[in-house]
Amino acid sequence: MQTESSTPPGTLTGVMYSDSGGMTVRDDFFIWLSPDAIVETFYYPEEPPKGVGWHEQFEKENVPISAEQWADVEQVVLELYPLMKPKPEPRIDLWSSLGRWLGGVKDEVSSSSITLIWDTEEGEQRIKYSSPNDKRISTLVALLKELADPIGREIPRYDP
């Protein structure tokens, strides 16, 4: 169990970010990034190529990235890290599960999650965090979306 600290638990070796748009069409996005590559991503392109429908989801695996691209992502993650709080493991809510099983409908809402992968003295640790309430999260998301779907997005920059 990690204690709250502004010092990361080790060396950052990966970032996983997902954003589920819930009931919003074409708003789902996932990326798993390592210092060398996009390990895996899926997204709906903002500007689909000719002949590709707006409903088609793109997937990519093992796409190399430059050291500069990783450094940009790593810098924003490390700036945000002191504001991040580890998410507790989800508890199973018997009544909600039973309600869904019996046919109840629960509206989906937009949600995002960040999992950071650390190389620590104990080995690899994957820790899921709540998105911090900070403008720099939009910088991180824009960087990640631009890596997955490079269209020349304007990357917002905010001072720490």
C-alpha atoms as a PDB file:
ATOM      1  CA  MET A   1       0.000   0.000   0.000  1.00  0.00           C
ATOM      2  CA  GLN A   2       1.367   3.382  -1.006  1.00  0.00           C
ATOM      3  CA  THR A   3       1.439   6.264   1.427  1.00  0.00           C
ATOM      4  CA  GLU A   4       0.573   9.715   0.154  1.00  0.00           C
ATOM      5  CA  SER A   5       3.769  11.473  -0.847  1.00  0.00           C
ATOM      6  CA  SER A   6       4.905  13.956  -3.437  1.00  0.00           C
ATOM      7  CA  THR A   7       7.818  11.633  -4.236  1.00  0.00           C
ATOM      8  CA  PRO A   8       7.018   8.982  -6.853  1.00  0.00           C
ATOM      9  CA  PRO A   9       7.499   5.365  -5.744  1.00  0.00           C
ATOM     10  CA  GLY A  10      10.045   4.698  -8.486  1.00  0.00           C
ATOM     11  CA  THR A  11      10.888   5.383 -12.107  1.00  0.00           C
ATOM     12  CA  LEU A  12       7.934   5.973 -14.415  1.00  0.00           C
ATOM     13  CA  THR A  13       7.903   3.224 -17.051  1.00  0.00           C
ATOM     14  CA  GLY A  14       4.375   3.456 -18.378  1.00  0.00           C
ATOM     15  CA  VAL A  15       1.141   5.401 -18.527  1.00  0.00           C
ATOM     16  CA  MET A  16      -2.300   3.971 -19.139  1.00  0.00           C
ATOM     17  CA  TYR A  17      -5.119   6.427 -19.695  1.00  0.00           C
ATOM     18  CA  SER A  18      -8.711   5.660 -20.537  1.00  0.00           C
ATOM     19  CA  ASP A  19     -11.697   7.879 -21.035  1.00  0.00           C
ATOM     20  CA  SER A  20     -15.142   6.413 -21.393  1.00  0.00           C
ATOM     21  CA  GLY A  21     -17.714   8.791 -22.787  1.00  0.00           C
ATOM     22  CA  GLY A  22     -20.573   6.785 -21.325  1.00  0.00           C
ATOM     23  CA  MET A  23     -23.538   7.606 -23.509  1.00  0.00           C
ATOM     24  CA  THR A  24     -21.536  10.003 -25.707  1.00  0.00           C
ATOM     25  CA  VAL A  25     -20.932   8.646 -29.189  1.00  0.00           C
ATOM     26  CA  ARG A  26     -17.289   8.294 -30.324  1.00  0.00           C
ATOM     27  CA  ASP A  27     -15.835   9.492 -27.038  1.00  0.00           C
ATOM     28  CA  ASP A  28     -14.034   6.336 -25.859  1.00  0.00           C
ATOM     29  CA  PHE A  29     -10.236   6.505 -25.789  1.00  0.00           C
ATOM     30  CA  PHE A  30      -7.536   4.242 -24.348  1.00  0.00           C
ATOM     31  CA  ILE A  31      -3.751   4.375 -24.551  1.00  0.00           C
ATOM     32  CA  TRP A  32      -0.972   2.390 -22.913  1.00  0.00           C
ATOM     33  CA  LEU A  33       2.316   4.186 -23.371  1.00  0.00           C
ATOM     34  CA  SER A  34       5.861   3.053 -22.574  1.00  0.00           C
ATOM     35  CA  PRO A  35       9.051   5.114 -22.939  1.00  0.00           C
ATOM     36  CA  ASP A  36       9.616   3.528 -26.361  1.00  0.00           C
ATOM     37  CA  ALA A  37       6.198   2.939 -27.877  1.00  0.00           C
ATOM     38  CA  ILE A  38       2.458   3.071 -27.810  1.00  0.00           C
ATOM     39  CA  VAL A  39       1.959  -0.449 -26.474  1.00  0.00           C
ATOM     40  CA  GLU A  40      -1.726  -0.373 -27.334  1.00  0.00           C
ATOM     41  CA  THR A  41      -4.357   2.229 -28.146  1.00  0.00           C
ATOM     42  CA  PHE A  42      -7.901   2.434 -29.396  1.00  0.00           C
ATOM     43  CA  TYR A  43      -9.790   5.562 -30.284  1.00  0.00           C
ATOM     44  CA  TYR A  44     -12.208   7.159 -32.696  1.00  0.00           C
ATOM     45  CA  PRO A  45     -10.235   9.417 -35.056  1.00  0.00           C
ATOM     46  CA  GLU A  46     -11.140  13.091 -34.983  1.00  0.00           C
ATOM     47  CA  GLU A  47     -10.674  13.269 -38.733  1.00  0.00           C
ATOM     48  CA  PRO A  48     -11.272   9.806 -40.239  1.00  0.00           C
ATOM     49  CA  PRO A  49      -9.491   9.063 -43.523  1.00  0.00           C
ATOM     50  CA  LYS A  50     -11.598   9.042 -46.686  1.00  0.00           C
ATOM     51  CA  GLY A  51     -13.712   5.915 -46.911  1.00  0.00           C
ATOM     52  CA  VAL A  52     -13.654   5.316 -43.155  1.00  0.00           C
ATOM     53  CA  GLY A  53     -16.928   5.756 -41.305  1.00  0.00           C
ATOM     54  CA  TRP A  54     -17.266   7.940 -38.232  1.00  0.00           C
ATOM     55  CA  HIS A  55     -18.365   4.876 -36.268  1.00  0.00           C
ATOM     56  CA  GLU A  56     -15.175   2.887 -36.887  1.00  0.00           C
ATOM     57  CA  GLN A  57     -12.792   2.567 -33.975  1.00  0.00           C
ATOM     58  CA  PHE A  58      -9.059   2.515 -34.714  1.00  0.00           C
ATOM     59  CA  GLU A  59      -6.603   0.246 -32.906  1.00  0.00           C
ATOM     60  CA  LYS A  60      -2.814   0.353 -32.909  1.00  0.00           C
ATOM     61  CA  GLU A  61      -0.128  -1.703 -31.189  1.00  0.00           C
ATOM     62  CA  ASN A  62       3.630  -1.324 -30.774  1.00  0.00           C
ATOM     63  CA  VAL A  63       3.970   2.059 -32.478  1.00  0.00           C
ATOM     64  CA  PRO A  64       7.410   3.555 -31.720  1.00  0.00           C
ATOM     65  CA  ILE A  65       7.600   7.010 -30.113  1.00  0.00           C
ATOM     66  CA  SER A  66      10.563   9.344 -29.790  1.00  0.00           C
ATOM     67  CA  ALA A  67      12.448  10.078 -26.587  1.00  0.00           C
ATOM     68  CA  GLU A  68      11.162  13.662 -26.825  1.00  0.00           C
ATOM     69  CA  GLN A  69       7.539  12.496 -26.991  1.00  0.00           C
ATOM     70  CA  TRP A  70       8.013  10.333 -23.888  1.00  0.00           C
ATOM     71  CA  ALA A  71       9.814  13.184 -22.100  1.00  0.00           C
ATOM     72  CA  ASP A  72       6.855  15.526 -22.764  1.00  0.00           C
ATOM     73  CA  VAL A  73       4.382  13.012 -21.291  1.00  0.00           C
ATOM     74  CA  GLU A  74       6.670  12.132 -18.381  1.00  0.00           C
ATOM     75  CA  GLN A  75       7.175  15.811 -17.492  1.00  0.00           C
ATOM     76  CA  VAL A  76       3.427  16.483 -17.233  1.00  0.00           C
ATOM     77  CA  VAL A  77       2.801  13.247 -15.294  1.00  0.00           C
ATOM     78  CA  LEU A  78       5.531  14.095 -12.771  1.00  0.00           C
ATOM     79  CA  GLU A  79       4.178  17.645 -12.394  1.00  0.00           C
ATOM     80  CA  LEU A  80       0.720  16.210 -11.687  1.00  0.00           C
ATOM     81  CA  TYR A  81       1.922  13.375  -9.453  1.00  0.00           C
ATOM     82  CA  PRO A  82       1.818  15.304  -6.129  1.00  0.00           C
ATOM     83  CA  LEU A  83      -1.878  16.018  -6.820  1.00  0.00           C
ATOM     84  CA  MET A  84      -2.772  12.397  -7.621  1.00  0.00           C
ATOM     85  CA  LYS A  85      -4.456  10.147  -5.085  1.00  0.00           C
ATOM     86  CA  PRO A  86      -4.409   6.367  -5.497  1.00  0.00           C
ATOM     87  CA  LYS A  87      -7.874   4.953  -6.148  1.00  0.00           C
ATOM     88  CA  PRO A  88      -8.998   2.330  -3.650  1.00  0.00           C
ATOM     89  CA  GLU A  89      -9.865  -1.103  -4.964  1.00  0.00           C
ATOM     90  CA  PRO A  90     -13.549  -1.155  -5.947  1.00  0.00           C
ATOM     91  CA  ARG A  91     -15.864  -2.859  -3.502  1.00  0.00           C
ATOM     92  CA  ILE A  92     -18.583  -5.125  -4.758  1.00  0.00           C
ATOM     93  CA  ASP A  93     -21.974  -3.602  -4.075  1.00  0.00           C
ATOM     94  CA  LEU A  94     -24.330  -6.566  -3.791  1.00  0.00           C
ATOM     95  CA  TRP A  95     -27.518  -4.520  -4.121  1.00  0.00           C
ATOM     96  CA  SER A  96     -26.395  -2.655  -7.260  1.00  0.00           C
ATOM     97  CA  SER A  97     -25.149  -5.886  -8.823  1.00  0.00           C
ATOM     98  CA  LEU A  98     -28.432  -7.616  -8.014  1.00  0.00           C
ATOM     99  CA  GLY A  99     -30.398  -4.687  -9.475  1.00  0.00           C
ATOM    100  CA  ARG A 100     -28.451  -4.844 -12.758  1.00  0.00           C
ATOM    101  CA  TRP A 101     -28.871  -8.630 -12.851  1.00  0.00           C
ATOM    102  CA  LEU A 102     -32.624  -8.259 -12.410  1.00  0.00           C
ATOM    103  CA  GLY A 103     -32.791  -5.873 -15.349  1.00  0.00           C
ATOM    104  CA  GLY A 104     -32.248  -2.504 -13.760  1.00  0.00           C
ATOM    105  CA  VAL A 105     -30.554   0.077 -15.946  1.00  0.00           C
ATOM    106  CA  LYS A 106     -27.834   2.333 -14.683  1.00  0.00           C
ATOM    107  CA  ASP A 107     -26.960   5.356 -16.801  1.00  0.00           C
ATOM    108  CA  GLU A 108     -23.336   5.422 -17.787  1.00  0.00           C
ATOM    109  CA  VAL A 109     -21.442   8.610 -17.164  1.00  0.00           C
ATOM    110  CA  SER A 110     -18.193   9.833 -18.565  1.00  0.00           C
ATOM    111  CA  SER A 111     -15.225   8.664 -16.553  1.00  0.00           C
ATOM    112  CA  SER A 112     -11.489   8.621 -16.955  1.00  0.00           C
ATOM    113  CA  SER A 113      -8.706   6.778 -15.229  1.00  0.00           C
ATOM    114  CA  ILE A 114      -4.942   7.005 -15.084  1.00  0.00           C
ATOM    115  CA  THR A 115      -2.744   4.046 -14.214  1.00  0.00           C
ATOM    116  CA  LEU A 116       0.936   4.753 -13.783  1.00  0.00           C
ATOM    117  CA  ILE A 117       3.494   1.982 -14.068  1.00  0.00           C
ATOM    118  CA  TRP A 118       6.507   2.361 -11.800  1.00  0.00           C
ATOM    119  CA  ASP A 119       9.787   0.463 -11.656  1.00  0.00           C
ATOM    120  CA  THR A 120      10.395   0.162  -7.913  1.00  0.00           C
ATOM    121  CA  GLU A 121      12.792  -1.718  -5.642  1.00  0.00           C
ATOM    122  CA  GLU A 122      10.035  -4.344  -5.238  1.00  0.00           C
ATOM    123  CA  GLY A 123       9.548  -4.657  -9.012  1.00  0.00           C
ATOM    124  CA  GLU A 124       6.874  -3.270 -11.294  1.00  0.00           C
ATOM    125  CA  GLN A 125       3.921  -1.554  -9.611  1.00  0.00           C
ATOM    126  CA  ARG A 126       0.760  -0.469 -11.406  1.00  0.00           C
ATOM    127  CA  ILE A 127      -1.175   2.105  -9.440  1.00  0.00           C
ATOM    128  CA  LYS A 128      -4.522   3.521 -10.521  1.00  0.00           C
ATOM    129  CA  TYR A 129      -5.087   7.175  -9.656  1.00  0.00           C
ATOM    130  CA  SER A 130      -7.992   9.579  -9.620  1.00  0.00           C
ATOM    131  CA  SER A 131      -7.602  12.344 -12.190  1.00  0.00           C
ATOM    132  CA  PRO A 132      -6.347  15.427 -10.380  1.00  0.00           C
ATOM    133  CA  ASN A 133      -8.381  18.604 -10.467  1.00  0.00           C
ATOM    134  CA  ASP A 134      -5.760  20.592 -12.352  1.00  0.00           C
ATOM    135  CA  LYS A 135      -5.654  22.203 -15.798  1.00  0.00           C
ATOM    136  CA  ARG A 136      -2.489  20.257 -16.656  1.00  0.00           C
ATOM    137  CA  ILE A 137      -4.619  17.104 -17.024  1.00  0.00           C
ATOM    138  CA  SER A 138      -5.899  18.582 -20.296  1.00  0.00           C
ATOM    139  CA  THR A 139      -2.268  18.933 -21.426  1.00  0.00           C
ATOM    140  CA  LEU A 140      -1.621  15.266 -20.649  1.00  0.00           C
ATOM    141  CA  VAL A 141      -4.791  14.112 -22.425  1.00  0.00           C
ATOM    142  CA  ALA A 142      -4.013  16.246 -25.493  1.00  0.00           C
ATOM    143  CA  LEU A 143      -0.452  14.830 -25.645  1.00  0.00           C
ATOM    144  CA  LEU A 144      -1.754  11.253 -25.388  1.00  0.00           C
ATOM    145  CA  LYS A 145      -4.469  11.788 -28.013  1.00  0.00           C
ATOM    146  CA  GLU A 146      -1.962  13.428 -30.358  1.00  0.00           C
ATOM    147  CA  LEU A 147       0.370  10.422 -30.001  1.00  0.00           C
ATOM    148  CA  ALA A 148      -2.463   8.010 -30.797  1.00  0.00           C
ATOM    149  CA  ASP A 149      -4.096  10.091 -33.553  1.00  0.00           C
ATOM    150  CA  PRO A 150      -1.575  12.671 -34.830  1.00  0.00           C
ATOM    151  CA  ILE A 151      -3.542  15.503 -36.438  1.00  0.00           C
ATOM    152  CA  GLY A 152      -1.597  18.520 -35.194  1.00  0.00           C
ATOM    153  CA  ARG A 153      -3.624  19.304 -32.068  1.00  0.00           C
ATOM    154  CA  GLU A 154      -2.887  22.453 -30.130  1.00  0.00           C
ATOM    155  CA  ILE A 155      -1.355  21.221 -26.860  1.00  0.00           C
ATOM    156  CA  PRO A 156      -2.405  23.506 -24.005  1.00  0.00           C
ATOM    157  CA  ARG A 157       0.465  24.428 -21.658  1.00  0.00           C
ATOM    158  CA  TYR A 158      -0.058  25.453 -18.070  1.00  0.00           C
ATOM    159  CA  ASP A 159       2.514  26.491 -15.519  1.00  0.00           C
ATOM    160  CA  PRO A 160       2.840  24.235 -12.466  1.00  0.00           C
END
